[in-house]
Structure formats: structure tokens, C-alpha cells
Amino acid sequence: MNHAIFPLPPIDDPAHIRTLGEHISAGTEIRARCLNTGCNHNVALNLVVIARYLGPNHGALAADLKPYFYCPACRAAGFADGQIAFFHHASTAPRSILCEVVEDDLYHRTAA
């Protein structure tokens, strides 16, 4: 049985995705990256956890997310830790729904 953690908004135009809920609905990912010279620490954000904390209608633009993130490596080293950039891109997780569909298709096409 599928359960919705919170209601996800419909996506009318993928070019105008602005909220965390819309990113989850569209299946896109957001990565946070430290811009300090020599650091380049980056991480994929768990949008479901962030949306449960901030709400699915919270903005997903850099200005909306920046107050909630810092670079732990730079903070531990005593450097400025607020130089964070956010990158929005299509899901590349190895177990995404798209990968399962492609693998199933390839499995059924084999001649074994």
C-alpha cells in the first residue's frame, strides 16, 4: 500500500519548478557544494527529509535554502562555511525508477 508522506503538487511545466514538493514530484535532485578554494565538498540533499522539516511548499532556490546549510569540513577547519551553491539536475541515483525500467527492458531482450 502506497502512503503519501505529504501531498505533492502537480507539475504543469518542468521549467518552472520552484518548491521542494515540486522537485520531489518531478524526480529531480539538488546537490549542495562548498565553493571555498580547495574544499569542493558536495552532497546530494535528501529532499523528502528537508521537505518534512521545512514543508513541501518551501522554496528550492539557492536564496531559500542557503540559510539552512553550511560546509561541515570548512566549519571544522575554522574557515568561512557559508559559501554554498545549489545545483538542480535530473535524478542519477542508481536505483531510480527509470533505471529499473531500463534494466527490466534489457533483461527481457536478452537471448539467454
C-alpha atoms as a PDB file:
ATOM      1  CA  MET A   1       0.000   0.000   0.000  1.00  0.00           C
ATOM      2  CA  ASN A   2       1.438   3.366  -1.008  1.00  0.00           C
ATOM      3  CA  HIS A   3       1.332   6.143   1.563  1.00  0.00           C
ATOM      4  CA  ALA A   4       1.900   9.787   0.816  1.00  0.00           C
ATOM      5  CA  ILE A   5       4.134  11.451   3.376  1.00  0.00           C
ATOM      6  CA  PHE A   6       2.662  14.778   2.342  1.00  0.00           C
ATOM      7  CA  PRO A   7       0.616  15.764  -0.705  1.00  0.00           C
ATOM      8  CA  LEU A   8       2.803  16.508  -3.709  1.00  0.00           C
ATOM      9  CA  PRO A   9       1.824  19.270  -6.113  1.00  0.00           C
ATOM     10  CA  PRO A  10       1.179  18.541  -9.784  1.00  0.00           C
ATOM     11  CA  ILE A  11       3.857  19.695 -12.232  1.00  0.00           C
ATOM     12  CA  ASP A  12       2.420  21.850 -15.017  1.00  0.00           C
ATOM     13  CA  ASP A  13       5.713  22.976 -16.535  1.00  0.00           C
ATOM     14  CA  PRO A  14       9.051  21.351 -15.561  1.00  0.00           C
ATOM     15  CA  ALA A  15      10.854  24.589 -16.414  1.00  0.00           C
ATOM     16  CA  HIS A  16       9.042  26.409 -13.589  1.00  0.00           C
ATOM     17  CA  ILE A  17       9.789  24.136 -10.631  1.00  0.00           C
ATOM     18  CA  ARG A  18      10.266  26.368  -7.596  1.00  0.00           C
ATOM     19  CA  THR A  19       9.402  24.411  -4.425  1.00  0.00           C
ATOM     20  CA  LEU A  20      10.753  21.336  -2.657  1.00  0.00           C
ATOM     21  CA  GLY A  21       7.491  19.460  -3.257  1.00  0.00           C
ATOM     22  CA  GLU A  22       7.666  20.185  -6.974  1.00  0.00           C
ATOM     23  CA  HIS A  23      11.247  18.865  -7.115  1.00  0.00           C
ATOM     24  CA  ILE A  24      10.156  15.658  -5.399  1.00  0.00           C
ATOM     25  CA  SER A  25       7.179  15.297  -7.763  1.00  0.00           C
ATOM     26  CA  ALA A  26       9.375  15.848 -10.814  1.00  0.00           C
ATOM     27  CA  GLY A  27      12.048  13.435  -9.549  1.00  0.00           C
ATOM     28  CA  THR A  28      14.856  15.968  -9.694  1.00  0.00           C
ATOM     29  CA  GLU A  29      17.764  16.178  -7.273  1.00  0.00           C
ATOM     30  CA  ILE A  30      19.518  19.087  -5.600  1.00  0.00           C
ATOM     31  CA  ARG A  31      23.206  18.968  -4.692  1.00  0.00           C
ATOM     32  CA  ALA A  32      24.875  21.388  -2.283  1.00  0.00           C
ATOM     33  CA  ARG A  33      28.524  22.236  -2.967  1.00  0.00           C
ATOM     34  CA  CYS A  34      31.039  24.256  -0.981  1.00  0.00           C
ATOM     35  CA  LEU A  35      32.678  26.953  -3.096  1.00  0.00           C
ATOM     36  CA  ASN A  36      35.709  27.526  -0.874  1.00  0.00           C
ATOM     37  CA  THR A  37      39.018  27.118  -2.688  1.00  0.00           C
ATOM     38  CA  GLY A  38      40.352  23.591  -2.223  1.00  0.00           C
ATOM     39  CA  CYS A  39      37.263  22.245  -0.480  1.00  0.00           C
ATOM     40  CA  ASN A  40      34.638  21.373  -3.103  1.00  0.00           C
ATOM     41  CA  HIS A  41      32.744  19.285  -0.527  1.00  0.00           C
ATOM     42  CA  ASN A  42      29.413  18.324  -2.091  1.00  0.00           C
ATOM     43  CA  VAL A  43      26.429  16.228  -1.121  1.00  0.00           C
ATOM     44  CA  ALA A  44      23.096  15.207  -2.619  1.00  0.00           C
ATOM     45  CA  LEU A  45      20.255  16.561  -0.498  1.00  0.00           C
ATOM     46  CA  ASN A  46      17.532  14.253   0.770  1.00  0.00           C
ATOM     47  CA  LEU A  47      14.599  16.341  -0.403  1.00  0.00           C
ATOM     48  CA  VAL A  48      11.973  14.285   1.421  1.00  0.00           C
ATOM     49  CA  VAL A  49      13.609  14.885   4.803  1.00  0.00           C
ATOM     50  CA  ILE A  50      14.138  18.579   4.041  1.00  0.00           C
ATOM     51  CA  ALA A  51      10.527  18.943   2.866  1.00  0.00           C
ATOM     52  CA  ARG A  52       9.271  17.296   6.047  1.00  0.00           C
ATOM     53  CA  TYR A  53      11.295  19.812   8.062  1.00  0.00           C
ATOM     54  CA  LEU A  54      10.635  22.969   6.009  1.00  0.00           C
ATOM     55  CA  GLY A  55       7.387  21.980   4.285  1.00  0.00           C
ATOM     56  CA  PRO A  56       6.787  20.923   0.673  1.00  0.00           C
ATOM     57  CA  ASN A  57       5.806  24.476  -0.315  1.00  0.00           C
ATOM     58  CA  HIS A  58       9.150  25.923   0.812  1.00  0.00           C
ATOM     59  CA  GLY A  59      11.198  27.448  -1.992  1.00  0.00           C
ATOM     60  CA  ALA A  60      14.018  25.402  -3.520  1.00  0.00           C
ATOM     61  CA  LEU A  61      16.047  28.241  -4.976  1.00  0.00           C
ATOM     62  CA  ALA A  62      19.523  28.962  -3.592  1.00  0.00           C
ATOM     63  CA  ALA A  63      18.326  32.012  -1.660  1.00  0.00           C
ATOM     64  CA  ASP A  64      15.617  29.904   0.017  1.00  0.00           C
ATOM     65  CA  LEU A  65      17.924  27.031   1.029  1.00  0.00           C
ATOM     66  CA  LYS A  66      21.172  28.831   1.864  1.00  0.00           C
ATOM     67  CA  PRO A  67      20.232  29.815   5.470  1.00  0.00           C
ATOM     68  CA  TYR A  68      19.880  26.144   6.391  1.00  0.00           C
ATOM     69  CA  PHE A  69      23.190  24.788   5.067  1.00  0.00           C
ATOM     70  CA  TYR A  70      26.909  25.100   5.804  1.00  0.00           C
ATOM     71  CA  CYS A  71      30.052  23.157   4.951  1.00  0.00           C
ATOM     72  CA  PRO A  72      30.971  20.931   7.913  1.00  0.00           C
ATOM     73  CA  ALA A  73      34.547  20.424   6.654  1.00  0.00           C
ATOM     74  CA  CYS A  74      35.211  24.168   6.424  1.00  0.00           C
ATOM     75  CA  ARG A  75      33.484  24.850   9.737  1.00  0.00           C
ATOM     76  CA  ALA A  76      35.644  22.237  11.475  1.00  0.00           C
ATOM     77  CA  ALA A  77      38.790  23.757   9.917  1.00  0.00           C
ATOM     78  CA  GLY A  78      37.779  27.263  11.023  1.00  0.00           C
ATOM     79  CA  PHE A  79      37.148  28.637   7.517  1.00  0.00           C
ATOM     80  CA  ALA A  80      34.111  30.539   6.276  1.00  0.00           C
ATOM     81  CA  ASP A  81      31.427  27.902   5.887  1.00  0.00           C
ATOM     82  CA  GLY A  82      28.602  29.789   4.159  1.00  0.00           C
ATOM     83  CA  GLN A  83      29.782  29.717   0.558  1.00  0.00           C
ATOM     84  CA  ILE A  84      27.332  27.080  -0.646  1.00  0.00           C
ATOM     85  CA  ALA A  85      25.962  26.673  -4.180  1.00  0.00           C
ATOM     86  CA  PHE A  86      22.966  24.513  -5.119  1.00  0.00           C
ATOM     87  CA  PHE A  87      22.722  22.533  -8.340  1.00  0.00           C
ATOM     88  CA  HIS A  88      19.414  21.207  -9.630  1.00  0.00           C
ATOM     89  CA  HIS A  89      19.534  18.238 -12.009  1.00  0.00           C
ATOM     90  CA  ALA A  90      17.700  15.113 -13.116  1.00  0.00           C
ATOM     91  CA  SER A  91      17.908  12.099 -10.835  1.00  0.00           C
ATOM     92  CA  THR A  92      21.001   9.972 -11.381  1.00  0.00           C
ATOM     93  CA  ALA A  93      20.536   7.564  -8.490  1.00  0.00           C
ATOM     94  CA  PRO A  94      21.479   4.015  -9.481  1.00  0.00           C
ATOM     95  CA  ARG A  95      18.137   2.700  -8.226  1.00  0.00           C
ATOM     96  CA  SER A  96      15.831   5.305  -9.696  1.00  0.00           C
ATOM     97  CA  ILE A  97      12.575   4.198 -11.319  1.00  0.00           C
ATOM     98  CA  LEU A  98      13.974   4.961 -14.767  1.00  0.00           C
ATOM     99  CA  CYS A  99      16.976   2.671 -14.205  1.00  0.00           C
ATOM    100  CA  GLU A 100      14.695  -0.185 -13.107  1.00  0.00           C
ATOM    101  CA  VAL A 101      12.580   0.199 -16.256  1.00  0.00           C
ATOM    102  CA  VAL A 102      15.670   0.177 -18.493  1.00  0.00           C
ATOM    103  CA  GLU A 103      17.159  -2.839 -16.691  1.00  0.00           C
ATOM    104  CA  ASP A 104      13.870  -4.764 -16.971  1.00  0.00           C
ATOM    105  CA  ASP A 105      13.698  -3.917 -20.663  1.00  0.00           C
ATOM    106  CA  LEU A 106      17.271  -5.129 -21.205  1.00  0.00           C
ATOM    107  CA  TYR A 107      16.622  -8.272 -19.150  1.00  0.00           C
ATOM    108  CA  HIS A 108      13.629  -9.227 -21.289  1.00  0.00           C
ATOM    109  CA  ARG A 109      15.553  -8.629 -24.523  1.00  0.00           C
ATOM    110  CA  THR A 110      18.422 -10.980 -23.750  1.00  0.00           C
ATOM    111  CA  ALA A 111      18.545 -14.271 -25.635  1.00  0.00           C
ATOM    112  CA  ALA A 112      19.640 -16.401 -22.683  1.00  0.00           C
END
